[in-house]
Amino acid sequence: MSEEKPKEGVKTENDHINLKVAGQDGSVVQFKIKRHTPLSKLMKAYCERQGLSIRQIRFRFDGQPINETDTPSQVHCTDNWQLSIFFRNTLYSLLLARS
């Protein structure tokens, strides 16, 4: 028996990761993003959906800042992790926490 390898250009389940963003009001928005896509895509989509400016919030993972150019793979996110949103002007951060 031979092991089948994924064909080049074929998407697999592991290409994507599910992340949740929890707002201060308790609302949760779920996103599906590729592991190597910059998190700026998720940040911008969340802000658009919630009517926020990306400058109003800050993103952190385990206490470390997350940059817009970071990817889920770079910050070691796993499937179904949850991001919590807080506003910069109240000295809060957007924290990434395990759900």
C-alpha atoms as a PDB file:
ATOM      1  CA  MET A   1       0.000   0.000   0.000  1.00  0.00           C
ATOM      2  CA  SER A   2       1.264   3.414  -0.847  1.00  0.00           C
ATOM      3  CA  GLU A   3       0.530   6.566   1.113  1.00  0.00           C
ATOM      4  CA  GLU A   4      -1.330   9.205  -0.829  1.00  0.00           C
ATOM      5  CA  LYS A   5       0.230  12.641  -0.742  1.00  0.00           C
ATOM      6  CA  PRO A   6      -1.855  15.773  -1.269  1.00  0.00           C
ATOM      7  CA  LYS A   7      -1.632  16.941  -4.855  1.00  0.00           C
ATOM      8  CA  GLU A   8       0.003  20.273  -5.500  1.00  0.00           C
ATOM      9  CA  GLY A   9      -2.553  23.079  -5.520  1.00  0.00           C
ATOM     10  CA  VAL A  10      -5.173  20.967  -3.722  1.00  0.00           C
ATOM     11  CA  LYS A  11      -6.494  22.479  -0.507  1.00  0.00           C
ATOM     12  CA  THR A  12      -6.569  20.355   2.618  1.00  0.00           C
ATOM     13  CA  GLU A  13      -8.444  20.768   5.902  1.00  0.00           C
ATOM     14  CA  ASN A  14      -5.186  21.848   7.570  1.00  0.00           C
ATOM     15  CA  ASP A  15      -4.857  24.908   5.311  1.00  0.00           C
ATOM     16  CA  HIS A  16      -7.481  26.753   7.371  1.00  0.00           C
ATOM     17  CA  ILE A  17      -7.974  27.563  11.027  1.00  0.00           C
ATOM     18  CA  ASN A  18     -11.135  28.695  12.841  1.00  0.00           C
ATOM     19  CA  LEU A  19     -10.713  31.685  15.163  1.00  0.00           C
ATOM     20  CA  LYS A  20     -13.365  33.399  17.282  1.00  0.00           C
ATOM     21  CA  VAL A  21     -13.390  37.065  18.243  1.00  0.00           C
ATOM     22  CA  ALA A  22     -15.297  37.846  21.448  1.00  0.00           C
ATOM     23  CA  GLY A  23     -16.405  41.442  21.983  1.00  0.00           C
ATOM     24  CA  GLN A  24     -16.709  43.217  25.308  1.00  0.00           C
ATOM     25  CA  ASP A  25     -20.484  42.840  25.005  1.00  0.00           C
ATOM     26  CA  GLY A  26     -20.163  39.043  24.913  1.00  0.00           C
ATOM     27  CA  SER A  27     -20.847  38.709  21.192  1.00  0.00           C
ATOM     28  CA  VAL A  28     -18.717  36.182  19.321  1.00  0.00           C
ATOM     29  CA  VAL A  29     -17.796  36.343  15.640  1.00  0.00           C
ATOM     30  CA  GLN A  30     -16.178  33.297  14.057  1.00  0.00           C
ATOM     31  CA  PHE A  31     -13.694  33.473  11.195  1.00  0.00           C
ATOM     32  CA  LYS A  32     -12.076  30.862   9.009  1.00  0.00           C
ATOM     33  CA  ILE A  33      -8.629  31.956   7.852  1.00  0.00           C
ATOM     34  CA  LYS A  34      -5.675  30.288   6.187  1.00  0.00           C
ATOM     35  CA  ARG A  35      -2.784  29.517   8.520  1.00  0.00           C
ATOM     36  CA  HIS A  36      -0.399  31.628   6.448  1.00  0.00           C
ATOM     37  CA  THR A  37      -2.719  34.607   5.795  1.00  0.00           C
ATOM     38  CA  PRO A  38      -1.737  37.810   7.622  1.00  0.00           C
ATOM     39  CA  LEU A  39      -3.998  38.423  10.626  1.00  0.00           C
ATOM     40  CA  SER A  40      -4.678  41.901   9.221  1.00  0.00           C
ATOM     41  CA  LYS A  41      -7.353  40.265   7.052  1.00  0.00           C
ATOM     42  CA  LEU A  42      -9.206  38.998  10.146  1.00  0.00           C
ATOM     43  CA  MET A  43      -8.636  42.272  12.032  1.00  0.00           C
ATOM     44  CA  LYS A  44     -10.030  44.387   9.194  1.00  0.00           C
ATOM     45  CA  ALA A  45     -13.011  42.068   8.634  1.00  0.00           C
ATOM     46  CA  TYR A  46     -13.898  42.155  12.338  1.00  0.00           C
ATOM     47  CA  CYS A  47     -13.611  45.945  12.492  1.00  0.00           C
ATOM     48  CA  GLU A  48     -15.767  46.393   9.378  1.00  0.00           C
ATOM     49  CA  ARG A  49     -18.412  44.041  10.738  1.00  0.00           C
ATOM     50  CA  GLN A  50     -18.479  45.820  14.111  1.00  0.00           C
ATOM     51  CA  GLY A  51     -18.153  49.374  12.765  1.00  0.00           C
ATOM     52  CA  LEU A  52     -14.781  49.935  14.448  1.00  0.00           C
ATOM     53  CA  SER A  53     -11.509  51.458  13.327  1.00  0.00           C
ATOM     54  CA  ILE A  54      -8.504  49.145  13.472  1.00  0.00           C
ATOM     55  CA  ARG A  55      -6.719  52.004  15.267  1.00  0.00           C
ATOM     56  CA  GLN A  56      -9.177  51.672  18.186  1.00  0.00           C
ATOM     57  CA  ILE A  57      -8.022  48.205  19.186  1.00  0.00           C
ATOM     58  CA  ARG A  58      -4.819  46.350  19.993  1.00  0.00           C
ATOM     59  CA  PHE A  59      -4.074  42.681  19.454  1.00  0.00           C
ATOM     60  CA  ARG A  60      -1.972  40.540  21.798  1.00  0.00           C
ATOM     61  CA  PHE A  61      -1.138  36.870  22.155  1.00  0.00           C
ATOM     62  CA  ASP A  62       0.091  35.573  25.516  1.00  0.00           C
ATOM     63  CA  GLY A  63       0.865  39.162  26.471  1.00  0.00           C
ATOM     64  CA  GLN A  64       2.884  39.846  23.315  1.00  0.00           C
ATOM     65  CA  PRO A  65       1.685  42.279  20.626  1.00  0.00           C
ATOM     66  CA  ILE A  66       0.377  40.786  17.392  1.00  0.00           C
ATOM     67  CA  ASN A  67       1.234  42.737  14.265  1.00  0.00           C
ATOM     68  CA  GLU A  68      -0.984  42.979  11.201  1.00  0.00           C
ATOM     69  CA  THR A  69       1.654  41.058   9.245  1.00  0.00           C
ATOM     70  CA  ASP A  70       1.665  38.117  11.692  1.00  0.00           C
ATOM     71  CA  THR A  71      -0.055  34.915  10.626  1.00  0.00           C
ATOM     72  CA  PRO A  72      -1.846  32.313  12.784  1.00  0.00           C
ATOM     73  CA  SER A  73       1.049  29.975  12.070  1.00  0.00           C
ATOM     74  CA  GLN A  74       3.651  32.500  13.274  1.00  0.00           C
ATOM     75  CA  VAL A  75       1.899  33.110  16.599  1.00  0.00           C
ATOM     76  CA  HIS A  76       1.165  29.392  17.045  1.00  0.00           C
ATOM     77  CA  CYS A  77      -2.646  29.643  16.955  1.00  0.00           C
ATOM     78  CA  THR A  78      -4.491  26.379  16.849  1.00  0.00           C
ATOM     79  CA  ASP A  79      -8.016  25.670  15.659  1.00  0.00           C
ATOM     80  CA  ASN A  80     -10.859  27.280  17.636  1.00  0.00           C
ATOM     81  CA  TRP A  81      -8.760  29.773  19.577  1.00  0.00           C
ATOM     82  CA  GLN A  82     -10.619  32.837  20.775  1.00  0.00           C
ATOM     83  CA  LEU A  83      -9.558  36.471  20.482  1.00  0.00           C
ATOM     84  CA  SER A  84     -11.061  38.914  22.979  1.00  0.00           C
ATOM     85  CA  ILE A  85     -11.477  42.547  21.982  1.00  0.00           C
ATOM     86  CA  PHE A  86     -10.727  45.574  24.111  1.00  0.00           C
ATOM     87  CA  PHE A  87     -10.234  49.200  23.137  1.00  0.00           C
ATOM     88  CA  ARG A  88      -6.913  51.087  23.097  1.00  0.00           C
ATOM     89  CA  ASN A  89      -8.363  54.263  24.579  1.00  0.00           C
ATOM     90  CA  THR A  90      -9.308  52.379  27.747  1.00  0.00           C
ATOM     91  CA  LEU A  91      -5.824  50.868  28.041  1.00  0.00           C
ATOM     92  CA  TYR A  92      -7.056  47.413  27.121  1.00  0.00           C
ATOM     93  CA  SER A  93      -5.678  45.075  24.491  1.00  0.00           C
ATOM     94  CA  LEU A  94      -7.107  42.511  22.138  1.00  0.00           C
ATOM     95  CA  LEU A  95      -6.000  39.311  23.815  1.00  0.00           C
ATOM     96  CA  LEU A  96      -5.726  35.929  22.227  1.00  0.00           C
ATOM     97  CA  ALA A  97      -6.765  33.199  24.622  1.00  0.00           C
ATOM     98  CA  ARG A  98      -7.498  29.535  24.326  1.00  0.00           C
ATOM     99  CA  SER A  99     -11.218  28.808  24.243  1.00  0.00           C
END
